[in-house]
C-alpha atoms as a PDB file:
ATOM      1  CA  MET A   1      89.200  25.683 130.414  1.00  0.00           C
ATOM      2  CA  GLY A   2      86.123  27.959 130.425  1.00  0.00           C
ATOM      3  CA  GLU A   3      86.673  28.926 134.006  1.00  0.00           C
ATOM      4  CA  TYR A   4      90.236  30.084 133.040  1.00  0.00           C
ATOM      5  CA  TYR A   5      88.916  32.482 130.444  1.00  0.00           C
ATOM      6  CA  GLY A   6      86.015  33.720 132.644  1.00  0.00           C
ATOM      7  CA  LEU A   7      88.920  34.656 135.176  1.00  0.00           C
ATOM      8  CA  ILE A   8      90.927  36.632 132.547  1.00  0.00           C
ATOM      9  CA  LYS A   9      87.625  38.626 131.409  1.00  0.00           C
ATOM     10  CA  THR A  10      87.028  39.465 135.086  1.00  0.00           C
ATOM     11  CA  LYS A  11      90.600  40.660 135.662  1.00  0.00           C
ATOM     12  CA  ARG A  12      90.293  42.778 132.417  1.00  0.00           C
ATOM     13  CA  LEU A  13      87.075  44.221 133.604  1.00  0.00           C
ATOM     14  CA  GLU A  14      88.588  45.191 137.000  1.00  0.00           C
ATOM     15  CA  ILE A  15      91.592  46.817 135.222  1.00  0.00           C
ATOM     16  CA  LEU A  16      89.316  48.770 132.917  1.00  0.00           C
ATOM     17  CA  VAL A  17      87.255  50.023 135.978  1.00  0.00           C
ATOM     18  CA  LEU A  18      90.454  51.089 137.818  1.00  0.00           C
ATOM     19  CA  TRP A  19      91.596  53.025 134.680  1.00  0.00           C
ATOM     20  CA  LEU A  20      88.134  54.612 134.149  1.00  0.00           C
ATOM     21  CA  SER A  21      87.985  55.719 137.671  1.00  0.00           C
ATOM     22  CA  SER A  22      91.397  57.351 137.485  1.00  0.00           C
ATOM     23  CA  MET A  23      90.509  59.089 134.396  1.00  0.00           C
ATOM     24  CA  ILE A  24      87.151  60.557 135.865  1.00  0.00           C
ATOM     25  CA  SER A  25      88.993  61.899 138.740  1.00  0.00           C
ATOM     26  CA  MET A  26      90.797  64.327 136.669  1.00  0.00           C
ATOM     27  CA  PHE A  27      87.672  66.189 135.563  1.00  0.00           C
ATOM     28  CA  HIS A  28      86.498  69.293 137.472  1.00  0.00           C
ATOM     29  CA  VAL A  29      83.160  71.062 137.960  1.00  0.00           C
ATOM     30  CA  PHE A  30      82.616  73.919 135.665  1.00  0.00           C
ATOM     31  CA  GLY A  31      82.232  77.282 137.603  1.00  0.00           C
ATOM     32  CA  SER A  32      84.280  76.188 140.534  1.00  0.00           C
ATOM     33  CA  ASP A  33      86.453  78.599 142.329  1.00  0.00           C
ATOM     34  CA  ALA A  34      90.229  78.409 141.127  1.00  0.00           C
ATOM     35  CA  TYR A  35      93.262  79.932 142.199  1.00  0.00           C
ATOM     36  CA  VAL A  36      96.113  80.475 139.614  1.00  0.00           C
ATOM     37  CA  HIS A  37      99.658  80.647 140.863  1.00  0.00           C
ATOM     38  CA  VAL A  38     101.589  83.787 140.086  1.00  0.00           C
ATOM     39  CA  SER A  39     105.141  83.071 139.321  1.00  0.00           C
ATOM     40  CA  GLN A  40     107.878  84.647 141.320  1.00  0.00           C
ATOM     41  CA  GLU A  41     109.193  86.673 138.401  1.00  0.00           C
ATOM     42  CA  LYS A  42     105.724  88.383 137.847  1.00  0.00           C
ATOM     43  CA  ARG A  43     105.045  89.490 141.440  1.00  0.00           C
ATOM     44  CA  ARG A  44     106.893  91.706 143.871  1.00  0.00           C
ATOM     45  CA  LYS A  45     107.530  91.193 147.485  1.00  0.00           C
ATOM     46  CA  LEU A  46     104.179  91.954 148.957  1.00  0.00           C
ATOM     47  CA  ASP A  47     102.106  90.899 145.966  1.00  0.00           C
ATOM     48  CA  ALA A  48      99.733  87.930 146.455  1.00  0.00           C
ATOM     49  CA  LYS A  49     101.127  84.540 145.343  1.00  0.00           C
ATOM     50  CA  SER A  50      97.662  83.731 143.602  1.00  0.00           C
ATOM     51  CA  LYS A  51      94.749  85.115 141.700  1.00  0.00           C
ATOM     52  CA  LYS A  52      91.281  83.925 142.317  1.00  0.00           C
ATOM     53  CA  GLY A  53      89.228  83.210 139.278  1.00  0.00           C
ATOM     54  CA  ILE A  54      86.559  80.797 138.140  1.00  0.00           C
ATOM     55  CA  PHE A  55      87.197  77.519 136.299  1.00  0.00           C
ATOM     56  CA  VAL A  56      85.664  77.451 132.911  1.00  0.00           C
ATOM     57  CA  GLY A  57      87.385  74.645 130.971  1.00  0.00           C
ATOM     58  CA  TYR A  58      90.239  72.992 129.684  1.00  0.00           C
ATOM     59  CA  GLN A  59      92.809  74.153 126.964  1.00  0.00           C
ATOM     60  CA  GLU A  60      92.521  72.047 123.763  1.00  0.00           C
ATOM     61  CA  HIS A  61      96.321  71.773 122.451  1.00  0.00           C
ATOM     62  CA  CYS A  62      98.218  71.931 125.688  1.00  0.00           C
ATOM     63  CA  LYS A  63      98.071  70.784 129.329  1.00  0.00           C
ATOM     64  CA  GLY A  64      96.319  73.753 131.217  1.00  0.00           C
ATOM     65  CA  TYR A  65      93.083  75.030 132.545  1.00  0.00           C
ATOM     66  CA  ARG A  66      91.033  77.965 131.265  1.00  0.00           C
ATOM     67  CA  ILE A  67      90.330  80.388 134.260  1.00  0.00           C
ATOM     68  CA  LEU A  68      88.349  83.353 134.052  1.00  0.00           C
ATOM     69  CA  ILE A  69      89.764  86.280 136.408  1.00  0.00           C
ATOM     70  CA  PRO A  70      86.683  88.600 136.975  1.00  0.00           C
ATOM     71  CA  THR A  71      88.790  91.421 138.337  1.00  0.00           C
ATOM     72  CA  GLY A  72      90.734  91.821 135.346  1.00  0.00           C
ATOM     73  CA  LYS A  73      88.201  90.439 133.139  1.00  0.00           C
ATOM     74  CA  LEU A  74      90.607  88.114 131.245  1.00  0.00           C
ATOM     75  CA  LEU A  75      90.814  84.474 130.529  1.00  0.00           C
ATOM     76  CA  GLU A  76      94.120  82.981 131.853  1.00  0.00           C
ATOM     77  CA  ILE A  77      95.609  79.570 130.671  1.00  0.00           C
ATOM     78  CA  SER A  78      97.710  78.011 133.300  1.00  0.00           C
ATOM     79  CA  ARG A  79      98.924  74.618 134.607  1.00  0.00           C
ATOM     80  CA  ASN A  80      99.439  75.691 138.168  1.00  0.00           C
ATOM     81  CA  VAL A  81      95.854  75.812 139.514  1.00  0.00           C
ATOM     82  CA  ILE A  82      94.060  74.846 142.595  1.00  0.00           C
ATOM     83  CA  ILE A  83      90.331  74.007 142.048  1.00  0.00           C
ATOM     84  CA  ARG A  84      88.017  74.054 144.928  1.00  0.00           C
ATOM     85  CA  GLU A  85      84.876  72.010 144.110  1.00  0.00           C
ATOM     86  CA  THR A  86      82.607  73.199 146.880  1.00  0.00           C
ATOM     87  CA  GLU A  87      78.971  74.217 146.489  1.00  0.00           C
ATOM     88  CA  ARG A  88      78.583  77.863 145.598  1.00  0.00           C
ATOM     89  CA  LYS A  89      76.148  79.808 147.790  1.00  0.00           C
END
């Protein structure tokens, strides 16, 4: 009977570890390079499809990332972001 409960505990621990590891993979390094997608309605034919910025955090009350765009000196909140977490030189 004791072996059965030990098996249940190890299975629960494995599930918890898997769940936590999936949660950690959603976090990104602050200060990383980020590219914000510019929607088709907001650009013309020859305009760039993305803007380069710096990842500064997460938006609190909605699903989105906070990206600092240095050229326009503005903070943009968007869900359509690609974050490159490489070392900065």
